[in-house]
C-alpha atoms as a PDB file:
ATOM      1  CA  UNK A   1      40.497 -10.567 -32.745  1.00  0.00           C
ATOM      2  CA  UNK A   2      40.070 -11.900 -36.239  1.00  0.00           C
ATOM      3  CA  UNK A   3      40.593  -9.162 -38.818  1.00  0.00           C
ATOM      4  CA  UNK A   4      37.112  -9.814 -40.245  1.00  0.00           C
ATOM      5  CA  UNK A   5      35.581  -8.809 -36.903  1.00  0.00           C
ATOM      6  CA  UNK A   6      37.857  -5.822 -36.183  1.00  0.00           C
ATOM      7  CA  UNK A   7      39.401  -4.765 -39.518  1.00  0.00           C
ATOM      8  CA  UNK A   8      42.547  -2.740 -40.135  1.00  0.00           C
ATOM      9  CA  UNK A   9      42.277   1.009 -40.672  1.00  0.00           C
ATOM     10  CA  UNK A  10      44.655   3.504 -42.222  1.00  0.00           C
ATOM     11  CA  UNK A  11      45.841   4.472 -38.739  1.00  0.00           C
ATOM     12  CA  UNK A  12      46.371   0.899 -37.515  1.00  0.00           C
ATOM     13  CA  UNK A  13      48.811   0.344 -40.374  1.00  0.00           C
ATOM     14  CA  UNK A  14      50.405   3.804 -40.079  1.00  0.00           C
ATOM     15  CA  UNK A  15      50.624   4.524 -36.363  1.00  0.00           C
ATOM     16  CA  UNK A  16      53.284   7.245 -36.202  1.00  0.00           C
ATOM     17  CA  UNK A  17      50.830  10.180 -36.241  1.00  0.00           C
ATOM     18  CA  UNK A  18      48.531   8.500 -33.725  1.00  0.00           C
ATOM     19  CA  UNK A  19      51.541   7.713 -31.504  1.00  0.00           C
ATOM     20  CA  UNK A  20      52.654  11.358 -31.647  1.00  0.00           C
ATOM     21  CA  UNK A  21      49.158  12.603 -30.794  1.00  0.00           C
ATOM     22  CA  UNK A  22      48.764  10.183 -27.882  1.00  0.00           C
ATOM     23  CA  UNK A  23      52.226  10.993 -26.519  1.00  0.00           C
ATOM     24  CA  UNK A  24      51.437  14.726 -26.681  1.00  0.00           C
ATOM     25  CA  UNK A  25      48.021  14.318 -25.016  1.00  0.00           C
ATOM     26  CA  UNK A  26      49.326  12.029 -22.253  1.00  0.00           C
ATOM     27  CA  UNK A  27      52.139  14.470 -21.439  1.00  0.00           C
ATOM     28  CA  UNK A  28      49.625  17.324 -21.404  1.00  0.00           C
ATOM     29  CA  UNK A  29      47.350  15.346 -19.083  1.00  0.00           C
ATOM     30  CA  UNK A  30      50.241  14.457 -16.759  1.00  0.00           C
ATOM     31  CA  UNK A  31      51.041  18.161 -16.477  1.00  0.00           C
ATOM     32  CA  UNK A  32      47.391  18.917 -15.648  1.00  0.00           C
ATOM     33  CA  UNK A  33      47.459  16.288 -12.876  1.00  0.00           C
ATOM     34  CA  UNK A  34      50.734  17.635 -11.455  1.00  0.00           C
ATOM     35  CA  UNK A  35      49.337  21.174 -11.473  1.00  0.00           C
ATOM     36  CA  UNK A  36      46.173  19.916  -9.782  1.00  0.00           C
ATOM     37  CA  UNK A  37      48.296  18.533  -6.949  1.00  0.00           C
ATOM     38  CA  UNK A  38      50.090  21.842  -6.557  1.00  0.00           C
ATOM     39  CA  UNK A  39      46.814  23.787  -6.637  1.00  0.00           C
ATOM     40  CA  UNK A  40      45.147  21.559  -4.031  1.00  0.00           C
ATOM     41  CA  UNK A  41      47.936  21.452  -1.411  1.00  0.00           C
ATOM     42  CA  UNK A  42      45.524  22.790   1.222  1.00  0.00           C
ATOM     43  CA  UNK A  43      42.961  20.000   0.696  1.00  0.00           C
ATOM     44  CA  UNK A  44      43.206  16.614   2.355  1.00  0.00           C
ATOM     45  CA  UNK A  45      44.852  13.730   0.551  1.00  0.00           C
ATOM     46  CA  UNK A  46      41.470  11.998   0.152  1.00  0.00           C
ATOM     47  CA  UNK A  47      39.927  15.137  -1.414  1.00  0.00           C
ATOM     48  CA  UNK A  48      42.865  15.545  -3.782  1.00  0.00           C
ATOM     49  CA  UNK A  49      42.783  11.858  -4.727  1.00  0.00           C
ATOM     50  CA  UNK A  50      39.061  11.995  -5.491  1.00  0.00           C
ATOM     51  CA  UNK A  51      39.580  15.108  -7.633  1.00  0.00           C
ATOM     52  CA  UNK A  52      42.591  13.596  -9.437  1.00  0.00           C
ATOM     53  CA  UNK A  53      40.706  10.363 -10.173  1.00  0.00           C
ATOM     54  CA  UNK A  54      37.804  12.342 -11.598  1.00  0.00           C
ATOM     55  CA  UNK A  55      40.119  14.383 -13.861  1.00  0.00           C
ATOM     56  CA  UNK A  56      41.991  11.240 -14.911  1.00  0.00           C
ATOM     57  CA  UNK A  57      38.734   9.451 -15.807  1.00  0.00           C
ATOM     58  CA  UNK A  58      37.763  12.403 -18.003  1.00  0.00           C
ATOM     59  CA  UNK A  59      41.210  12.422 -19.628  1.00  0.00           C
ATOM     60  CA  UNK A  60      41.135   8.663 -20.329  1.00  0.00           C
ATOM     61  CA  UNK A  61      37.682   9.062 -21.872  1.00  0.00           C
ATOM     62  CA  UNK A  62      39.180  11.583 -24.313  1.00  0.00           C
ATOM     63  CA  UNK A  63      42.095   9.224 -25.047  1.00  0.00           C
ATOM     64  CA  UNK A  64      39.604   6.433 -25.761  1.00  0.00           C
ATOM     65  CA  UNK A  65      37.705   8.753 -28.135  1.00  0.00           C
ATOM     66  CA  UNK A  66      40.918   9.539 -30.048  1.00  0.00           C
ATOM     67  CA  UNK A  67      41.889   5.872 -30.358  1.00  0.00           C
ATOM     68  CA  UNK A  68      38.348   4.778 -31.290  1.00  0.00           C
ATOM     69  CA  UNK A  69      38.140   7.523 -33.922  1.00  0.00           C
ATOM     70  CA  UNK A  70      41.422   6.423 -35.493  1.00  0.00           C
ATOM     71  CA  UNK A  71      41.143   2.644 -35.121  1.00  0.00           C
ATOM     72  CA  UNK A  72      37.410   2.154 -34.847  1.00  0.00           C
ATOM     73  CA  UNK A  73      35.448   1.282 -31.739  1.00  0.00           C
ATOM     74  CA  UNK A  74      36.341  -2.225 -30.594  1.00  0.00           C
ATOM     75  CA  UNK A  75      33.589  -4.812 -30.435  1.00  0.00           C
ATOM     76  CA  UNK A  76      31.954  -5.189 -27.043  1.00  0.00           C
ATOM     77  CA  UNK A  77      33.658  -7.928 -24.988  1.00  0.00           C
ATOM     78  CA  UNK A  78      30.482 -10.007 -24.805  1.00  0.00           C
ATOM     79  CA  UNK A  79      29.257  -9.409 -28.408  1.00  0.00           C
ATOM     80  CA  UNK A  80      28.948 -12.677 -30.331  1.00  0.00           C
ATOM     81  CA  UNK A  81      30.662 -13.037 -33.705  1.00  0.00           C
ATOM     82  CA  UNK A  82      31.204 -15.815 -36.222  1.00  0.00           C
ATOM     83  CA  UNK A  83      34.624 -16.373 -37.783  1.00  0.00           C
ATOM     84  CA  UNK A  84      35.044 -18.732 -40.730  1.00  0.00           C
ATOM     85  CA  UNK A  85      38.361 -20.014 -42.049  1.00  0.00           C
ATOM     86  CA  UNK A  86      39.868 -22.930 -43.956  1.00  0.00           C
ATOM     87  CA  UNK A  87      42.064 -25.369 -42.071  1.00  0.00           C
ATOM     88  CA  UNK A  88      45.250 -26.889 -43.507  1.00  0.00           C
ATOM     89  CA  UNK A  89      43.171 -29.616 -45.208  1.00  0.00           C
ATOM     90  CA  UNK A  90      41.017 -26.982 -46.933  1.00  0.00           C
ATOM     91  CA  UNK A  91      37.926 -27.718 -44.837  1.00  0.00           C
ATOM     92  CA  UNK A  92      35.843 -24.697 -43.863  1.00  0.00           C
ATOM     93  CA  UNK A  93      35.741 -24.236 -40.097  1.00  0.00           C
ATOM     94  CA  UNK A  94      33.571 -21.907 -38.042  1.00  0.00           C
ATOM     95  CA  UNK A  95      34.187 -20.355 -34.647  1.00  0.00           C
ATOM     96  CA  UNK A  96      31.329 -18.705 -32.790  1.00  0.00           C
ATOM     97  CA  UNK A  97      32.665 -16.686 -29.898  1.00  0.00           C
ATOM     98  CA  UNK A  98      32.900 -13.378 -28.098  1.00  0.00           C
ATOM     99  CA  UNK A  99      36.086 -11.281 -28.076  1.00  0.00           C
ATOM    100  CA  UNK A 100      36.867 -12.342 -24.487  1.00  0.00           C
ATOM    101  CA  UNK A 101      36.256 -16.037 -25.173  1.00  0.00           C
ATOM    102  CA  UNK A 102      38.348 -15.830 -28.354  1.00  0.00           C
ATOM    103  CA  UNK A 103      41.264 -14.185 -26.518  1.00  0.00           C
ATOM    104  CA  UNK A 104      41.161 -16.719 -23.678  1.00  0.00           C
ATOM    105  CA  UNK A 105      41.053 -19.697 -26.031  1.00  0.00           C
ATOM    106  CA  UNK A 106      43.205 -18.604 -28.985  1.00  0.00           C
ATOM    107  CA  UNK A 107      45.491 -15.786 -27.782  1.00  0.00           C
ATOM    108  CA  UNK A 108      46.088 -16.501 -24.119  1.00  0.00           C
ATOM    109  CA  UNK A 109      48.147 -17.012 -22.174  1.00  0.00           C
ATOM    110  CA  UNK A 110      50.642 -14.494 -23.500  1.00  0.00           C
ATOM    111  CA  UNK A 111      53.491 -13.591 -21.196  1.00  0.00           C
ATOM    112  CA  UNK A 112      55.724 -10.874 -22.714  1.00  0.00           C
ATOM    113  CA  UNK A 113      58.591 -11.977 -20.467  1.00  0.00           C
ATOM    114  CA  UNK A 114      58.711 -15.262 -22.421  1.00  0.00           C
ATOM    115  CA  UNK A 115      59.332 -13.481 -25.738  1.00  0.00           C
ATOM    116  CA  UNK A 116      62.117 -11.576 -27.427  1.00  0.00           C
ATOM    117  CA  UNK A 117      62.347  -9.371 -30.499  1.00  0.00           C
ATOM    118  CA  UNK A 118      64.710 -10.100 -33.363  1.00  0.00           C
ATOM    119  CA  UNK A 119      66.460  -6.993 -34.646  1.00  0.00           C
ATOM    120  CA  UNK A 120      69.109  -6.201 -37.252  1.00  0.00           C
ATOM    121  CA  UNK A 121      71.434  -3.322 -36.426  1.00  0.00           C
ATOM    122  CA  UNK A 122      74.884  -3.581 -38.031  1.00  0.00           C
ATOM    123  CA  UNK A 123      76.252  -0.994 -35.564  1.00  0.00           C
ATOM    124  CA  UNK A 124      76.260  -3.640 -32.808  1.00  0.00           C
ATOM    125  CA  UNK A 125      77.582  -7.180 -32.336  1.00  0.00           C
ATOM    126  CA  UNK A 126      75.376  -9.987 -33.678  1.00  0.00           C
ATOM    127  CA  UNK A 127      74.094 -12.789 -31.450  1.00  0.00           C
ATOM    128  CA  UNK A 128      73.982 -10.622 -28.302  1.00  0.00           C
ATOM    129  CA  UNK A 129      70.990  -9.864 -26.063  1.00  0.00           C
ATOM    130  CA  UNK A 130      70.127  -6.148 -25.893  1.00  0.00           C
ATOM    131  CA  UNK A 131      67.718  -3.966 -23.947  1.00  0.00           C
ATOM    132  CA  UNK A 132      66.794  -0.305 -24.329  1.00  0.00           C
ATOM    133  CA  UNK A 133      68.219   1.822 -21.491  1.00  0.00           C
ATOM    134  CA  UNK A 134      65.219   3.936 -20.429  1.00  0.00           C
ATOM    135  CA  UNK A 135      62.435   1.798 -21.869  1.00  0.00           C
ATOM    136  CA  UNK A 136      61.743   0.104 -18.536  1.00  0.00           C
ATOM    137  CA  UNK A 137      61.104   3.294 -16.571  1.00  0.00           C
ATOM    138  CA  UNK A 138      57.402   2.527 -16.073  1.00  0.00           C
ATOM    139  CA  UNK A 139      56.073   0.806 -12.960  1.00  0.00           C
ATOM    140  CA  UNK A 140      55.354  -2.916 -13.563  1.00  0.00           C
ATOM    141  CA  UNK A 141      57.004  -2.780 -17.000  1.00  0.00           C
ATOM    142  CA  UNK A 142      58.156  -6.049 -18.544  1.00  0.00           C
ATOM    143  CA  UNK A 143      61.799  -5.872 -19.637  1.00  0.00           C
ATOM    144  CA  UNK A 144      62.218  -5.482 -23.403  1.00  0.00           C
ATOM    145  CA  UNK A 145      64.745  -7.984 -24.751  1.00  0.00           C
ATOM    146  CA  UNK A 146      66.071  -8.188 -28.291  1.00  0.00           C
ATOM    147  CA  UNK A 147      68.588 -10.454 -29.989  1.00  0.00           C
ATOM    148  CA  UNK A 148      70.632  -8.928 -32.774  1.00  0.00           C
ATOM    149  CA  UNK A 149      70.674 -11.180 -35.841  1.00  0.00           C
ATOM    150  CA  UNK A 150      72.268 -10.717 -39.225  1.00  0.00           C
ATOM    151  CA  UNK A 151      69.638 -10.302 -41.904  1.00  0.00           C
ATOM    152  CA  UNK A 152      70.342 -12.781 -44.696  1.00  0.00           C
ATOM    153  CA  UNK A 153      67.094 -12.622 -46.671  1.00  0.00           C
ATOM    154  CA  UNK A 154      63.926 -10.585 -46.748  1.00  0.00           C
ATOM    155  CA  UNK A 155      60.872 -12.744 -46.204  1.00  0.00           C
ATOM    156  CA  UNK A 156      57.532 -10.975 -46.567  1.00  0.00           C
ATOM    157  CA  UNK A 157      55.238 -11.786 -43.649  1.00  0.00           C
ATOM    158  CA  UNK A 158      51.586 -11.582 -44.637  1.00  0.00           C
ATOM    159  CA  UNK A 159      48.456 -13.626 -44.160  1.00  0.00           C
ATOM    160  CA  UNK A 160      49.133 -15.500 -47.416  1.00  0.00           C
ATOM    161  CA  UNK A 161      52.799 -16.212 -46.658  1.00  0.00           C
ATOM    162  CA  UNK A 162      53.582 -18.484 -43.704  1.00  0.00           C
ATOM    163  CA  UNK A 163      55.949 -16.931 -41.191  1.00  0.00           C
ATOM    164  CA  UNK A 164      59.363 -18.619 -41.360  1.00  0.00           C
ATOM    165  CA  UNK A 165      60.470 -20.502 -38.265  1.00  0.00           C
ATOM    166  CA  UNK A 166      63.410 -18.118 -37.888  1.00  0.00           C
ATOM    167  CA  UNK A 167      60.921 -15.407 -36.938  1.00  0.00           C
ATOM    168  CA  UNK A 168      59.721 -17.250 -33.833  1.00  0.00           C
ATOM    169  CA  UNK A 169      59.757 -14.907 -30.852  1.00  0.00           C
ATOM    170  CA  UNK A 170      59.662 -17.569 -28.135  1.00  0.00           C
ATOM    171  CA  UNK A 171      62.543 -17.214 -25.706  1.00  0.00           C
ATOM    172  CA  UNK A 172      64.511 -20.304 -24.725  1.00  0.00           C
ATOM    173  CA  UNK A 173      64.924 -19.149 -21.130  1.00  0.00           C
END
């Protein structure tokens, strides 16, 4: 989404508190679901599943409320917006789209497996491919890959400063 359509908030730039709150709530909700299973051992699997899905839907609604309160409610997927920008020649361009159309045309396809992260950690050997041991413990999780590089200069990445080519995250494999 263009920033003009879905602007930054304090919490989108400072996510640690929101991350902590979401982690706490999701762990709490997982415990509730596990206890529900224990409490409904005498019911049929179908009855338990229906009950668990109902509780989960309620929990996810609360999670959505927390995120929307902190980051703002996202635009509706079919809501039209107009985005204006200047191209490299300085000519004003206009895109009229919906969030879904914009994502399909300008952000997709994005396959996380085709990307890597560049990290700098002098405790480890440079030029090696690393993963995080227990990061992939979620069903259908895409493997996190990072290449350790030596940091030679600090280059600020902002909307007014073009991202240097060394920061490309496209994997060669």
